[in-house]
Amino acid sequence: MKRLKRIMLVDDDHNTNFFNKLMLTRNDVTEEIVAFENPIEGLEYLKAGEEQVDLLFLDINMPVMDGWEFLENFEVLEQTGGKNLVVVMLSTSLNPEDIERAHQSRTVVKYINKPLDHMTIQEVMNVFD
């Protein structure tokens, strides 16, 4: 299985980020994991463009900026700066509208319910094969 350079987590919940880092580390799928509890900081990190990010796990329901607002801003960044990374929505939302919206997004490749586990990580990593 391919090993990625960097995976980014954007989720306002510290414990969720901790658990997801643990699962990704145990599955040995990346050299580095960066996590942001504030989506604006995560967006700024991507805008800086100093580090390559291959995969982004993005929560939907966050204060300050939700996942959909993050995506809108990211898509503008992607169009102007040539950013090319895989985006996976990782949420507890079972709202059919959220699921449909994610599937209609040109940026989101998968919609996964939390928490991450071995099988879902393998499923996401298959996108890179």
Protein backbone atom coordinates (compact mmCIF):
# COMPACT_ATOMS: atom_id res chain seq x y z
CA MET A 1 0.00 0.00 0.00
CA LYS A 2 1.17 3.48 -0.84
CA ARG A 3 2.39 5.65 2.03
CA LEU A 4 1.49 9.34 1.90
CA LYS A 5 3.71 12.28 2.71
CA ARG A 6 1.20 14.19 4.86
CA ILE A 7 -2.37 13.78 6.06
CA MET A 8 -4.33 16.71 7.47
CA LEU A 9 -7.18 16.52 9.99
CA VAL A 10 -9.63 19.39 10.42
CA ASP A 11 -12.02 18.72 13.29
CA ASP A 12 -12.95 20.98 16.19
CA ASP A 13 -12.88 18.07 18.66
CA HIS A 14 -9.47 17.46 20.24
CA ASN A 15 -10.30 13.88 21.24
CA THR A 16 -11.44 13.00 17.72
CA ASN A 17 -8.19 14.35 16.27
CA PHE A 18 -6.20 12.40 18.87
CA PHE A 19 -8.03 9.16 18.06
CA ASN A 20 -7.76 9.66 14.29
CA LYS A 21 -4.03 10.36 14.58
CA LEU A 22 -3.66 7.17 16.58
CA MET A 23 -5.55 5.11 13.97
CA LEU A 24 -3.61 6.60 11.06
CA THR A 25 -0.30 6.01 12.86
CA ARG A 26 -1.20 2.40 13.67
CA ASN A 27 -2.06 1.82 10.01
CA ASP A 28 1.28 3.34 8.95
CA VAL A 29 -0.18 5.22 5.98
CA THR A 30 1.68 8.53 6.25
CA GLU A 31 4.94 10.13 7.24
CA GLU A 32 3.25 13.03 9.02
CA ILE A 33 -0.14 14.05 10.38
CA VAL A 34 -1.12 17.66 10.96
CA ALA A 35 -4.32 18.46 12.84
CA PHE A 36 -6.31 21.63 13.26
CA GLU A 37 -9.19 22.22 15.65
CA ASN A 38 -9.80 25.62 14.08
CA PRO A 39 -10.75 25.28 10.40
CA ILE A 40 -9.56 28.81 9.62
CA GLU A 41 -6.06 27.83 10.78
CA GLY A 42 -6.26 24.72 8.62
CA LEU A 43 -7.22 26.78 5.60
CA GLU A 44 -4.35 29.20 6.29
CA TYR A 45 -1.96 26.23 6.43
CA LEU A 46 -3.13 25.13 2.99
CA LYS A 47 -2.94 28.68 1.64
CA ALA A 48 0.67 28.98 2.79
CA GLY A 49 1.43 26.00 0.58
CA GLU A 50 4.73 25.33 2.29
CA GLU A 51 4.03 21.66 2.90
CA GLN A 52 2.47 19.11 0.55
CA VAL A 53 -0.78 17.65 1.88
CA ASP A 54 -2.02 14.50 0.15
CA LEU A 55 -5.19 13.75 2.10
CA LEU A 56 -7.58 15.87 4.14
CA PHE A 57 -10.14 14.46 6.57
CA LEU A 58 -12.71 17.21 7.12
CA ASP A 59 -15.50 17.41 9.71
CA ILE A 60 -18.79 19.09 8.78
CA ASN A 61 -20.19 20.46 12.02
CA MET A 62 -17.72 22.93 13.48
CA PRO A 63 -18.11 26.40 15.02
CA VAL A 64 -16.49 29.43 13.40
CA MET A 65 -16.46 27.78 9.95
CA ASP A 66 -18.26 24.55 9.08
CA GLY A 67 -16.91 21.96 6.68
CA TRP A 68 -18.97 23.29 3.77
CA GLU A 69 -17.60 26.81 4.21
CA PHE A 70 -14.11 25.34 4.45
CA LEU A 71 -14.69 23.51 1.16
CA GLU A 72 -15.92 26.65 -0.58
CA ASN A 73 -12.79 28.51 0.46
CA PHE A 74 -10.58 25.55 -0.39
CA GLU A 75 -12.09 25.20 -3.87
CA VAL A 76 -11.22 28.84 -4.61
CA LEU A 77 -7.70 28.16 -3.36
CA GLU A 78 -7.48 25.02 -5.47
CA GLN A 79 -8.52 26.89 -8.61
CA THR A 80 -6.03 29.70 -8.11
CA GLY A 81 -3.12 27.84 -6.59
CA GLY A 82 -3.28 24.42 -8.19
CA LYS A 83 -3.71 22.59 -4.89
CA ASN A 84 -4.36 18.92 -5.57
CA LEU A 85 -5.33 16.79 -2.62
CA VAL A 86 -7.92 14.18 -1.77
CA VAL A 87 -10.72 15.39 0.53
CA VAL A 88 -12.75 12.99 2.67
CA MET A 89 -15.68 14.22 4.75
CA LEU A 90 -15.45 12.51 8.14
CA SER A 91 -18.54 13.28 10.16
CA THR A 92 -21.08 12.00 12.64
CA SER A 93 -23.85 13.53 10.52
CA LEU A 94 -26.32 11.00 9.15
CA ASN A 95 -28.28 13.79 7.48
CA PRO A 96 -29.08 12.61 3.92
CA GLU A 97 -28.63 16.19 2.69
CA ASP A 98 -25.03 16.26 3.98
CA ILE A 99 -24.29 12.91 2.37
CA GLU A 100 -25.80 13.98 -0.96
CA ARG A 101 -24.01 17.33 -0.88
CA ALA A 102 -20.68 15.57 -0.29
CA HIS A 103 -21.31 13.19 -3.18
CA GLN A 104 -22.14 16.11 -5.47
CA SER A 105 -18.99 18.03 -4.51
CA ARG A 106 -16.26 18.03 -7.12
CA THR A 107 -13.69 18.08 -4.31
CA VAL A 108 -14.93 15.37 -1.90
CA VAL A 109 -14.06 11.81 -2.92
CA LYS A 110 -15.66 10.01 0.04
CA TYR A 111 -18.09 10.58 2.89
CA ILE A 112 -17.29 8.49 5.96
CA ASN A 113 -18.99 8.30 9.33
CA LYS A 114 -16.79 8.70 12.39
CA PRO A 115 -14.80 7.17 13.87
CA LEU A 116 -11.98 6.11 11.58
CA ASP A 117 -11.17 2.43 11.73
CA HIS A 118 -8.82 0.07 9.93
CA MET A 119 -11.31 -0.78 7.18
CA THR A 120 -12.25 2.81 6.37
CA ILE A 121 -8.59 3.84 6.29
CA GLN A 122 -7.86 1.03 3.84
CA GLU A 123 -10.86 2.08 1.75
CA VAL A 124 -9.63 5.68 1.59
CA MET A 125 -6.08 4.61 0.79
CA ASN A 126 -7.34 2.62 -2.20
CA VAL A 127 -8.00 6.00 -3.87
CA PHE A 128 -4.22 6.41 -4.17
CA ASP A 129 -3.54 3.03 -5.82
